[in-house]
Protein backbone atom coordinates (compact mmCIF):
# COMPACT_ATOMS: atom_id res chain seq x y z
CA MET A 1 75.97 92.02 107.05
CA SER A 2 77.65 88.91 105.65
CA ASP A 3 81.34 88.74 104.80
CA ALA A 4 82.32 90.47 101.56
CA LEU A 5 83.41 87.22 99.90
CA ALA A 6 80.98 84.87 101.66
CA GLY A 7 79.86 82.02 99.42
CA LEU A 8 83.01 81.94 97.34
CA LYS A 9 84.83 78.61 97.32
CA VAL A 10 88.58 78.50 96.78
CA ALA A 11 90.58 75.39 95.93
CA ASP A 12 94.07 76.34 97.01
CA PHE A 13 96.81 74.21 95.45
CA SER A 14 99.49 76.79 96.22
CA ARG A 15 102.33 76.59 98.68
CA VAL A 16 105.15 78.64 100.19
CA LEU A 17 104.26 82.36 100.09
CA ALA A 18 102.77 84.22 97.10
CA GLY A 19 99.80 81.89 96.59
CA PRO A 20 99.06 81.26 100.28
CA PHE A 21 99.27 85.02 100.93
CA ALA A 22 96.64 85.62 98.23
CA THR A 23 94.28 82.92 99.44
CA MET A 24 94.62 84.11 103.05
CA VAL A 25 93.44 87.57 102.01
CA LEU A 26 90.42 85.99 100.30
CA ALA A 27 89.75 83.86 103.38
CA ASP A 28 89.96 86.88 105.70
CA PHE A 29 87.00 88.37 103.87
CA GLY A 30 84.88 85.25 104.00
CA ALA A 31 85.89 82.94 101.17
CA ASP A 32 85.92 79.24 102.07
CA VAL A 33 89.48 78.16 101.32
CA ILE A 34 90.43 74.49 101.25
CA LYS A 35 94.21 74.14 101.21
CA ILE A 36 95.13 71.01 99.27
CA GLU A 37 98.54 69.79 100.47
CA ARG A 38 100.71 66.91 99.48
CA PRO A 39 101.14 64.30 102.24
CA SER A 40 104.41 65.93 103.38
CA GLY A 41 102.71 69.30 103.56
CA ASP A 42 103.44 72.82 102.38
CA ASP A 43 107.22 73.38 102.23
CA THR A 44 107.01 76.14 104.84
CA ARG A 45 105.72 73.73 107.49
CA SER A 46 109.33 72.54 107.77
CA TRP A 47 110.93 75.99 107.57
CA VAL A 48 111.69 76.13 111.27
CA PRO A 49 112.69 77.52 113.70
CA PRO A 50 110.96 79.52 115.00
CA VAL A 51 107.80 77.72 116.03
CA ASP A 52 104.90 78.78 118.23
CA GLU A 53 103.98 77.12 121.52
CA PHE A 54 102.05 74.44 119.62
CA GLY A 55 105.02 73.54 117.43
CA VAL A 56 103.68 75.19 114.26
CA GLY A 57 106.26 77.05 112.17
CA THR A 58 105.72 80.80 112.26
CA TYR A 59 106.52 81.10 108.55
CA PHE A 60 103.63 78.78 107.67
CA SER A 61 101.35 80.48 110.19
CA SER A 62 101.95 83.92 108.72
CA VAL A 63 99.99 83.20 105.51
CA ASN A 64 97.61 80.31 106.26
CA ARG A 65 94.98 81.41 108.79
CA ASN A 66 91.25 81.00 108.07
CA LYS A 67 91.84 77.93 105.87
CA ARG A 68 91.09 74.24 106.07
CA SER A 69 93.80 71.72 105.23
CA ILE A 70 93.40 68.38 103.50
CA THR A 71 96.11 66.12 102.16
CA CYS A 72 96.03 64.65 98.66
CA ASP A 73 98.61 62.61 96.84
CA LEU A 74 97.94 63.61 93.25
CA GLY A 75 99.98 60.63 92.10
CA THR A 76 97.26 58.25 93.34
CA ALA A 77 93.82 57.73 91.87
CA GLU A 78 92.14 58.44 95.19
CA GLY A 79 94.08 61.62 95.84
CA LEU A 80 93.56 62.93 92.33
CA ALA A 81 89.83 62.16 92.50
CA THR A 82 89.51 64.10 95.76
CA ALA A 83 91.44 67.08 94.38
CA THR A 84 89.43 67.07 91.15
CA THR A 85 86.14 67.03 93.04
CA ILE A 86 87.17 70.03 95.11
CA ALA A 87 88.44 71.92 92.06
CA MET A 88 85.19 71.24 90.18
CA GLU A 89 83.16 72.58 93.11
CA ALA A 90 85.27 75.71 93.48
CA ASP A 91 84.59 79.20 92.22
CA ILE A 92 88.31 79.96 92.27
CA VAL A 93 91.35 77.74 91.80
CA VAL A 94 94.79 79.03 92.81
CA GLU A 95 97.98 77.15 91.95
CA ASN A 96 101.68 77.89 91.75
CA PHE A 97 103.15 74.74 90.28
CA ARG A 98 105.60 74.97 87.42
CA PRO A 99 103.78 75.25 84.06
CA GLY A 100 102.67 71.82 82.85
CA VAL A 101 102.16 70.18 86.25
CA MET A 102 98.44 70.89 86.54
CA GLU A 103 97.95 69.76 82.90
CA ARG A 104 99.52 66.43 83.81
CA TYR A 105 96.77 65.85 86.35
CA GLY A 106 93.89 67.26 84.32
CA LEU A 107 93.57 70.15 86.76
CA ASP A 108 94.61 72.89 84.32
CA PHE A 109 92.48 75.84 83.36
CA ASP A 110 91.41 74.57 79.92
CA THR A 111 90.24 71.22 81.27
CA LEU A 112 88.32 72.61 84.25
CA HIS A 113 86.96 75.60 82.35
CA ALA A 114 85.45 73.32 79.72
CA SER A 115 83.20 71.84 82.40
CA ARG A 116 82.85 74.99 84.52
CA PRO A 117 82.91 78.07 82.25
CA GLU A 118 82.38 80.34 85.27
CA LEU A 119 85.60 79.23 86.97
CA VAL A 120 88.23 81.85 87.83
CA TYR A 121 91.63 80.18 87.73
CA CYS A 122 94.78 81.88 89.03
CA SER A 123 98.25 80.62 88.08
CA ILE A 124 101.28 82.03 89.87
CA THR A 125 104.73 81.35 88.42
CA GLY A 126 108.24 82.63 88.87
CA PHE A 127 108.95 83.68 85.31
CA GLY A 128 105.76 83.12 83.31
CA SER A 129 104.64 80.24 81.14
CA ALA A 130 106.76 80.91 78.04
CA GLY A 131 110.56 81.07 78.03
CA GLY A 132 110.79 81.02 81.80
CA ALA A 133 108.48 78.08 82.33
CA THR A 134 111.20 75.75 83.60
CA LEU A 135 112.87 78.24 85.93
CA PRO A 136 112.33 77.85 89.69
CA GLY A 137 110.48 80.80 91.20
CA TYR A 138 112.15 81.61 94.50
CA ASP A 139 112.00 85.15 95.85
CA LEU A 140 115.77 85.48 96.39
CA LEU A 141 116.46 84.39 92.82
CA VAL A 142 113.94 86.86 91.40
CA GLN A 143 115.31 89.70 93.55
CA ALA A 144 118.72 88.93 92.05
CA VAL A 145 117.89 88.54 88.37
CA GLY A 146 115.06 91.10 88.47
CA GLY A 147 117.30 94.01 89.43
CA LEU A 148 116.09 94.66 92.96
CA MET A 149 119.34 93.54 94.60
CA SER A 150 121.32 95.80 92.27
CA VAL A 151 119.69 98.89 93.83
CA THR A 152 119.60 97.61 97.42
CA GLY A 153 122.53 98.18 99.74
CA SER A 154 125.22 100.82 100.10
CA PRO A 155 127.50 101.84 97.23
CA ASP A 156 130.44 99.98 98.76
CA SER A 157 128.52 96.84 99.76
CA GLU A 158 127.60 93.81 97.75
CA PRO A 159 124.09 93.74 96.26
CA SER A 160 121.59 92.87 98.99
CA LYS A 161 118.18 91.31 99.19
CA VAL A 162 115.31 93.03 100.95
CA GLY A 163 114.79 91.79 104.52
CA VAL A 164 111.59 89.87 103.68
CA ALA A 165 110.37 87.99 100.61
CA LEU A 166 108.81 91.17 99.30
CA VAL A 167 108.49 89.98 95.70
CA ASP A 168 106.34 87.06 96.84
CA VAL A 169 104.15 89.43 98.85
CA VAL A 170 103.68 91.86 95.94
CA THR A 171 102.91 88.95 93.62
CA GLY A 172 100.32 87.64 96.10
CA GLN A 173 98.70 91.05 96.17
CA ASN A 174 98.65 91.13 92.37
CA ALA A 175 97.00 87.71 92.40
CA VAL A 176 94.23 89.02 94.66
CA ILE A 177 93.72 92.03 92.39
CA GLY A 178 93.56 89.79 89.34
CA ILE A 179 91.12 87.36 90.97
CA LEU A 180 88.77 90.10 92.15
CA THR A 181 88.94 91.77 88.72
CA ALA A 182 88.06 88.47 87.04
CA LEU A 183 85.14 88.01 89.45
CA ARG A 184 83.86 91.48 88.54
CA ALA A 185 84.06 90.54 84.85
CA LEU A 186 82.25 87.29 85.66
CA ASP A 187 79.37 89.32 87.09
CA GLU A 188 79.00 91.03 83.72
CA THR A 189 79.71 88.17 81.31
CA GLY A 190 78.92 84.98 83.22
CA VAL A 191 82.26 83.59 82.04
CA GLY A 192 85.35 83.02 84.14
CA GLN A 193 88.91 83.40 82.95
CA ARG A 194 92.50 82.60 83.73
CA VAL A 195 94.51 85.02 85.83
CA GLU A 196 98.28 84.80 85.40
CA VAL A 197 100.83 86.57 87.58
CA ASN A 198 104.54 85.94 87.92
CA LEU A 199 107.24 87.08 90.29
CA LEU A 200 109.52 88.72 87.72
CA SER A 201 106.80 90.86 86.15
CA SER A 202 105.52 91.80 89.59
CA LEU A 203 109.01 92.91 90.61
CA LEU A 204 109.61 94.91 87.43
CA SER A 205 106.30 96.69 87.95
CA GLY A 206 107.24 97.29 91.58
CA LEU A 207 110.51 98.96 90.61
CA VAL A 208 108.36 101.97 89.57
CA ASN A 209 110.59 105.09 89.40
CA GLN A 210 113.80 103.05 89.12
CA ALA A 211 112.49 101.16 86.10
CA SER A 212 111.05 104.35 84.59
CA SER A 213 114.41 106.07 84.93
CA THR A 214 116.10 103.17 83.19
CA LEU A 215 113.65 103.27 80.28
CA VAL A 216 114.15 107.00 79.77
CA THR A 217 117.90 107.29 80.31
CA GLY A 218 119.10 103.85 79.31
CA LEU A 219 121.22 103.83 82.45
CA ALA A 220 120.97 101.27 85.24
CA PRO A 221 120.38 102.80 88.69
CA GLN A 222 123.08 102.19 91.26
CA ARG A 223 123.00 101.30 94.94
CA MET A 224 122.67 104.41 97.08
CA GLY A 225 122.18 102.97 100.55
CA ASN A 226 119.19 104.68 102.12
CA ALA A 227 119.42 107.76 99.90
CA HIS A 228 116.90 108.57 97.17
CA PRO A 229 118.00 109.22 93.57
CA SER A 230 115.60 112.15 93.10
CA ILE A 231 114.99 113.68 96.54
CA ALA A 232 117.25 115.11 99.26
CA PRO A 233 117.44 114.87 102.19
CA TYR A 234 115.51 111.60 101.97
CA GLU A 235 117.60 109.02 103.81
CA THR A 236 118.90 107.98 107.22
CA LEU A 237 121.16 110.46 108.98
CA ALA A 238 123.45 109.85 111.94
CA THR A 239 122.51 111.15 115.39
CA ALA A 240 124.16 110.79 118.79
CA ASP A 241 122.79 107.29 119.33
CA GLY A 242 121.71 105.88 115.99
CA PRO A 243 120.20 106.58 112.58
CA LEU A 244 117.24 108.88 111.99
CA ALA A 245 115.10 108.61 108.86
CA VAL A 246 114.38 112.04 107.38
CA ALA A 247 111.98 112.18 104.43
CA VAL A 248 111.90 115.78 103.21
CA GLY A 249 109.57 115.95 100.22
CA ASN A 250 109.42 119.68 99.50
CA ASP A 251 111.12 123.03 100.14
CA LYS A 252 108.75 124.00 102.96
CA GLN A 253 109.68 120.87 104.89
CA PHE A 254 113.36 121.52 104.27
CA ARG A 255 113.15 125.03 105.68
CA ALA A 256 111.33 123.67 108.73
CA LEU A 257 114.12 121.11 109.14
CA THR A 258 116.79 123.82 109.11
CA ARG A 259 114.89 125.85 111.73
CA VAL A 260 114.57 122.88 114.11
CA LEU A 261 118.29 122.19 113.70
CA SER A 262 119.06 125.88 114.33
CA VAL A 263 120.74 126.29 110.93
CA PRO A 264 118.13 128.42 109.10
CA GLU A 265 120.83 129.79 106.80
CA LEU A 266 120.89 126.44 105.00
CA GLY A 267 117.32 127.11 103.87
CA THR A 268 118.48 130.03 101.74
CA ASP A 269 121.89 128.68 100.75
CA PRO A 270 121.93 128.49 96.90
CA ARG A 271 123.29 124.94 97.12
CA PHE A 272 120.17 123.81 98.96
CA ALA A 273 117.48 126.30 97.92
CA ASP A 274 115.43 123.76 95.95
CA ASN A 275 115.28 120.00 95.66
CA SER A 276 117.33 119.74 92.45
CA SER A 277 120.11 121.76 94.07
CA ARG A 278 119.98 119.62 97.19
CA VAL A 279 120.26 116.44 95.12
CA THR A 280 123.29 117.88 93.33
CA HIS A 281 124.94 118.79 96.64
CA ARG A 282 123.60 115.90 98.73
CA ASP A 283 126.96 114.92 100.24
CA GLU A 284 127.67 118.44 101.48
CA LEU A 285 124.15 118.74 102.83
CA LYS A 286 124.31 115.41 104.63
CA ALA A 287 127.53 116.36 106.40
CA LEU A 288 126.10 119.69 107.57
CA LEU A 289 122.89 118.14 108.83
CA GLU A 290 124.66 115.34 110.67
CA ASP A 291 126.90 117.84 112.44
CA ARG A 292 123.77 119.19 114.13
CA LEU A 293 121.94 115.88 114.52
CA ARG A 294 124.85 114.32 116.41
CA THR A 295 124.12 116.68 119.31
CA GLY A 296 120.94 114.80 120.22
CA SER A 297 119.30 111.39 120.19
CA ALA A 298 117.32 109.95 117.30
CA ALA A 299 114.13 109.77 119.40
CA ASP A 300 114.44 113.39 120.54
CA TRP A 301 115.06 114.69 117.05
CA ALA A 302 112.19 112.60 115.71
CA ASP A 303 109.81 114.16 118.22
CA ARG A 304 110.98 117.71 117.51
CA LEU A 305 110.94 117.34 113.74
CA THR A 306 107.56 115.63 113.69
CA ALA A 307 106.11 118.46 115.78
CA ALA A 308 107.44 120.91 113.18
CA GLY A 309 105.85 119.01 110.28
CA VAL A 310 109.05 117.36 109.06
CA PRO A 311 108.63 113.62 108.29
CA ALA A 312 111.15 111.89 110.52
CA GLY A 313 111.47 108.80 112.67
CA LYS A 314 114.02 106.58 114.37
CA VAL A 315 114.82 103.22 112.81
CA ASN A 316 112.68 100.80 114.79
CA SER A 317 113.03 97.10 115.34
CA VAL A 318 110.05 94.95 114.37
CA VAL A 319 109.06 94.83 118.05
CA GLU A 320 109.14 98.62 118.21
CA ALA A 321 107.25 98.92 114.92
CA LEU A 322 104.41 96.75 116.22
CA GLY A 323 104.36 98.83 119.39
CA LEU A 324 104.18 102.06 117.39
CA ALA A 325 101.22 100.78 115.37
CA GLU A 326 99.50 99.85 118.62
CA THR A 327 99.97 103.33 120.08
CA LEU A 328 98.51 104.80 116.89
CA GLY A 329 95.35 102.75 117.30
CA LEU A 330 96.00 100.59 114.25
CA GLU A 331 95.37 97.31 116.11
CA PRO A 332 98.24 95.56 114.31
CA VAL A 333 97.96 92.20 116.09
CA VAL A 334 95.03 89.84 116.46
CA GLU A 335 94.88 86.64 118.50
CA ILE A 336 92.86 83.85 116.91
CA ALA A 337 91.54 80.95 118.95
CA ASP A 338 90.07 77.60 117.97
CA PRO A 339 86.42 77.31 119.00
CA ASP A 340 87.39 74.77 121.68
CA GLY A 341 90.25 76.96 122.88
CA SER A 342 92.83 74.23 122.33
CA ARG A 343 95.05 76.40 120.13
CA THR A 344 95.64 80.09 119.66
CA SER A 345 97.73 82.03 117.18
CA GLN A 346 98.94 85.62 117.20
CA GLN A 347 98.75 87.15 113.75
CA VAL A 348 99.43 90.49 112.08
CA SER A 349 96.04 91.94 111.21
CA ASN A 350 94.81 92.26 107.65
CA PRO A 351 95.75 95.82 106.60
CA ILE A 352 92.60 96.38 104.53
CA ARG A 353 89.84 98.04 106.55
CA LEU A 354 86.25 97.80 105.28
CA SER A 355 83.59 99.69 107.23
CA GLY A 356 80.75 97.28 106.48
CA THR A 357 82.37 93.90 105.83
CA PRO A 358 85.68 93.83 107.69
CA ALA A 359 88.16 90.99 107.73
CA ARG A 360 87.34 88.29 110.27
CA TYR A 361 89.60 85.75 111.90
CA ARG A 362 87.84 82.42 112.29
CA ARG A 363 90.51 79.71 112.23
CA VAL A 364 94.07 79.35 113.38
CA PRO A 365 96.50 78.11 110.70
CA PRO A 366 95.54 74.46 110.18
CA LEU A 367 97.50 71.40 111.14
CA LEU A 368 98.49 69.25 108.18
CA GLY A 369 95.43 67.36 106.97
CA GLU A 370 93.38 68.62 109.91
CA HIS A 371 90.24 68.87 107.77
CA SER A 372 90.72 65.86 105.51
CA GLY A 373 87.32 64.69 104.34
CA ALA A 374 85.95 68.25 104.26
CA THR A 375 84.10 69.46 101.20
CA PHE A 376 82.72 72.84 100.25
CA GLY A 377 79.43 73.56 101.93
CA HIS A 378 80.18 71.03 104.68
CA PRO A 379 82.71 72.63 106.99
CA PRO A 380 83.65 70.74 110.13
CA THR A 381 82.49 71.91 113.53
CA ASP A 382 85.21 74.58 113.78
CA GLY A 383 82.99 76.84 111.65
């Protein structure tokens, strides 16, 4: 069976994270992605260290496998002609320039769509194309102004960003959803359309229960560390050697927790008898639970609680997290090799599993301009 997206051609004008993440997902499932870079390259090529053994920045590598790279200076007639040819041959165009840039070069949706009505065109911005058109779309900035930092961190700490550029990742996922939805509509209508996603809207949607609470109550949620505003105990708790994440989602799990900790009386205590009561008395409950948990290690408690059906786990490092996924048979890491074996790249596997048309890993992240001269339908010898 052929790849799920085989035959689709993607002109990728995006750089940094959200756009490249989206086009990598498309490429994993068989789309032919030509990454069109300025002569100095995608910004993340210079976001080093760290680098791999071939000198390629790991940030760039994380979202650019399975693509071909060409360089184009859109400010020159030759570069613009090359980019326009690729865009006109593509089924999908993805770009994340500030609004107005693609119009300047005649590579905007309206211009291309007039000649290719079937084109699906995805624009990714920081704050949309209206009042926020001139604002720079960096993940840290959006986490700050979009409210995520206000609910991240402990009550006595300053607002904190999430440990990765999560808003970019969510926006990239939204871009993929939008593109595939537009392709489904194209099957029915024969007409392509413009897909627009932006970081701020993606973040606000991703705030889910926190945003919903704000809309209903009119009150802004506060930082609660690792605690949950609506569930208890649902946070990290101290043990003899480090924190343990305990995610009790119902009364049955709570009673099992109290039995494992040898404090079954807490399961019938009126302060903790149901979730609402536990939320009201969360501080008292936390202190009582930690008194018991401090008698053992996080790993030991995690094993005992998991065996009893209580969701619990020690706080792993990234190294430990990858190891856990491996022991669970999730095959979290794949090593990609060039056909000639000259370069390899370790990558985190695509998380989407399809039984008939799975993701495939054909190319290591490209060197800058490695495939200059390539056109759709005429890939170089690397396949």
